[in-house]
Amino acid sequence: MRIQHWQDIASLLLGIWLVLSPFALGFDGAALWITIVLGLCVILFAVEGFLIPSYLEEWGELLLGLALVAAPWTVGYEQGWATANSVVSGLLVILFAVWELMTDRDFTAWWHDRWHHPAN
């Protein structure tokens, strides 16, 4: 296992927070289960980033971040703390994923080749 990006560690810690946050903040219902499931997914993507470094896991984290931001309104979270936790955590997941994509040499080289030298 080789850690290439600090953002993967930050995502892992954020995923752990998401799993524990319903209990720490005291919310329940759909918010509890959605937060735990999305938190476990963030953890899985972060660990995948340690085991098989690839920019593809960042795209998955982007989608998870969007799901965290949208969940309070699509599901209807009842507690304000649950909404704030989901939105802030989702924005951080997105931030870490975009930051890693923008600083990863493999991804930026791939993006540059596709953008400046498109296949005919």
Protein backbone atom coordinates (compact mmCIF):
# COMPACT_ATOMS: atom_id res chain seq x y z
CA MET A 1 0.00 0.00 0.00
CA ARG A 2 1.43 3.35 -1.05
CA ILE A 3 -0.14 6.70 -0.26
CA GLN A 4 0.45 9.09 -3.14
CA HIS A 5 -1.88 11.95 -2.22
CA TRP A 6 -2.72 13.56 1.11
CA GLN A 7 -6.24 14.11 -0.22
CA ASP A 8 -6.86 10.35 0.02
CA ILE A 9 -6.04 10.45 3.73
CA ALA A 10 -8.31 13.48 4.16
CA SER A 11 -11.10 11.65 2.31
CA LEU A 12 -10.60 8.57 4.48
CA LEU A 13 -10.89 10.67 7.65
CA LEU A 14 -13.94 12.44 6.24
CA GLY A 15 -15.55 9.09 5.44
CA ILE A 16 -14.93 7.93 9.01
CA TRP A 17 -16.51 11.16 10.26
CA LEU A 18 -19.54 10.56 8.06
CA VAL A 19 -20.02 7.07 9.51
CA LEU A 20 -19.72 8.35 13.09
CA SER A 21 -21.44 11.72 12.69
CA PRO A 22 -25.07 10.54 13.04
CA PHE A 23 -24.21 9.23 16.49
CA ALA A 24 -22.06 12.23 17.45
CA LEU A 25 -24.64 14.77 16.25
CA GLY A 26 -27.71 12.76 17.23
CA PHE A 27 -29.69 12.54 14.04
CA ASP A 28 -31.79 9.63 12.87
CA GLY A 29 -34.12 8.39 10.16
CA ALA A 30 -33.10 8.44 6.52
CA ALA A 31 -30.32 10.93 7.26
CA LEU A 32 -28.64 8.41 9.56
CA TRP A 33 -28.57 5.59 7.02
CA ILE A 34 -27.75 7.67 3.96
CA THR A 35 -24.88 9.38 5.78
CA ILE A 36 -23.46 6.06 6.97
CA VAL A 37 -23.73 4.41 3.53
CA LEU A 38 -22.20 7.37 1.70
CA GLY A 39 -19.49 7.59 4.37
CA LEU A 40 -18.62 3.91 3.85
CA CYS A 41 -18.44 4.55 0.10
CA VAL A 42 -16.08 7.50 0.65
CA ILE A 43 -13.91 5.22 2.82
CA LEU A 44 -13.88 2.53 0.12
CA PHE A 45 -12.85 5.00 -2.59
CA ALA A 46 -10.12 6.45 -0.37
CA VAL A 47 -8.73 2.98 0.41
CA GLU A 48 -8.91 2.14 -3.30
CA GLY A 49 -6.77 5.23 -3.88
CA PHE A 50 -4.13 3.73 -1.55
CA LEU A 51 -4.21 0.26 -3.10
CA ILE A 52 -4.68 1.03 -6.80
CA PRO A 53 -3.73 4.67 -7.40
CA SER A 54 -5.86 5.94 -10.26
CA TYR A 55 -7.65 9.15 -11.07
CA LEU A 56 -10.86 7.15 -11.61
CA GLU A 57 -11.59 6.94 -7.87
CA GLU A 58 -11.69 10.73 -7.77
CA TRP A 59 -14.59 10.74 -10.21
CA GLY A 60 -16.41 8.36 -7.90
CA GLU A 61 -15.72 10.66 -4.97
CA LEU A 62 -17.05 13.59 -6.97
CA LEU A 63 -20.33 11.73 -7.45
CA LEU A 64 -20.45 10.82 -3.75
CA GLY A 65 -19.86 14.46 -2.83
CA LEU A 66 -22.70 15.54 -5.10
CA ALA A 67 -24.94 12.90 -3.52
CA LEU A 68 -24.07 14.19 -0.04
CA VAL A 69 -24.88 17.77 -1.09
CA ALA A 70 -28.18 16.80 -2.72
CA ALA A 71 -29.39 14.22 -0.19
CA PRO A 72 -30.94 16.60 2.37
CA TRP A 73 -33.32 18.00 -0.23
CA THR A 74 -33.99 14.89 -2.28
CA VAL A 75 -34.70 12.76 0.79
CA GLY A 76 -35.92 15.48 3.14
CA TYR A 77 -33.67 15.48 6.18
CA GLU A 78 -35.57 16.58 9.25
CA GLN A 79 -32.66 17.72 11.42
CA GLY A 80 -30.69 20.87 10.61
CA TRP A 81 -27.42 19.33 11.82
CA ALA A 82 -27.89 16.44 9.42
CA THR A 83 -28.35 18.85 6.51
CA ALA A 84 -25.36 21.00 7.46
CA ASN A 85 -23.17 17.94 8.03
CA SER A 86 -24.13 16.41 4.69
CA VAL A 87 -23.61 19.61 2.68
CA VAL A 88 -20.29 20.59 4.30
CA SER A 89 -18.96 17.02 4.10
CA GLY A 90 -20.09 16.70 0.48
CA LEU A 91 -18.38 19.96 -0.48
CA LEU A 92 -15.17 18.78 1.22
CA VAL A 93 -15.31 15.43 -0.62
CA ILE A 94 -15.69 17.33 -3.89
CA LEU A 95 -12.88 19.74 -2.98
CA PHE A 96 -10.44 16.94 -2.13
CA ALA A 97 -11.30 15.04 -5.32
CA VAL A 98 -10.92 18.08 -7.59
CA TRP A 99 -7.72 19.12 -5.81
CA GLU A 100 -6.23 15.67 -6.31
CA LEU A 101 -7.27 15.59 -9.97
CA MET A 102 -5.69 18.98 -10.59
CA THR A 103 -2.39 18.02 -8.93
CA ASP A 104 -2.06 14.39 -10.07
CA ARG A 105 0.58 14.14 -12.79
CA ASP A 106 -0.95 11.05 -14.41
CA PHE A 107 -4.36 12.65 -14.72
CA THR A 108 -3.08 16.04 -15.90
CA ALA A 109 -0.89 14.31 -18.52
CA TRP A 110 -3.86 12.22 -19.68
CA TRP A 111 -6.11 15.31 -19.78
CA HIS A 112 -3.47 17.33 -21.66
CA ASP A 113 -3.03 14.58 -24.26
CA ARG A 114 -6.80 14.28 -24.82
CA TRP A 115 -7.36 18.04 -24.91
CA HIS A 116 -4.41 19.04 -27.09
CA HIS A 117 -4.03 15.91 -29.20
CA PRO A 118 -7.50 14.46 -29.80
CA ALA A 119 -7.72 11.14 -31.64
CA ASN A 120 -8.73 11.42 -35.24
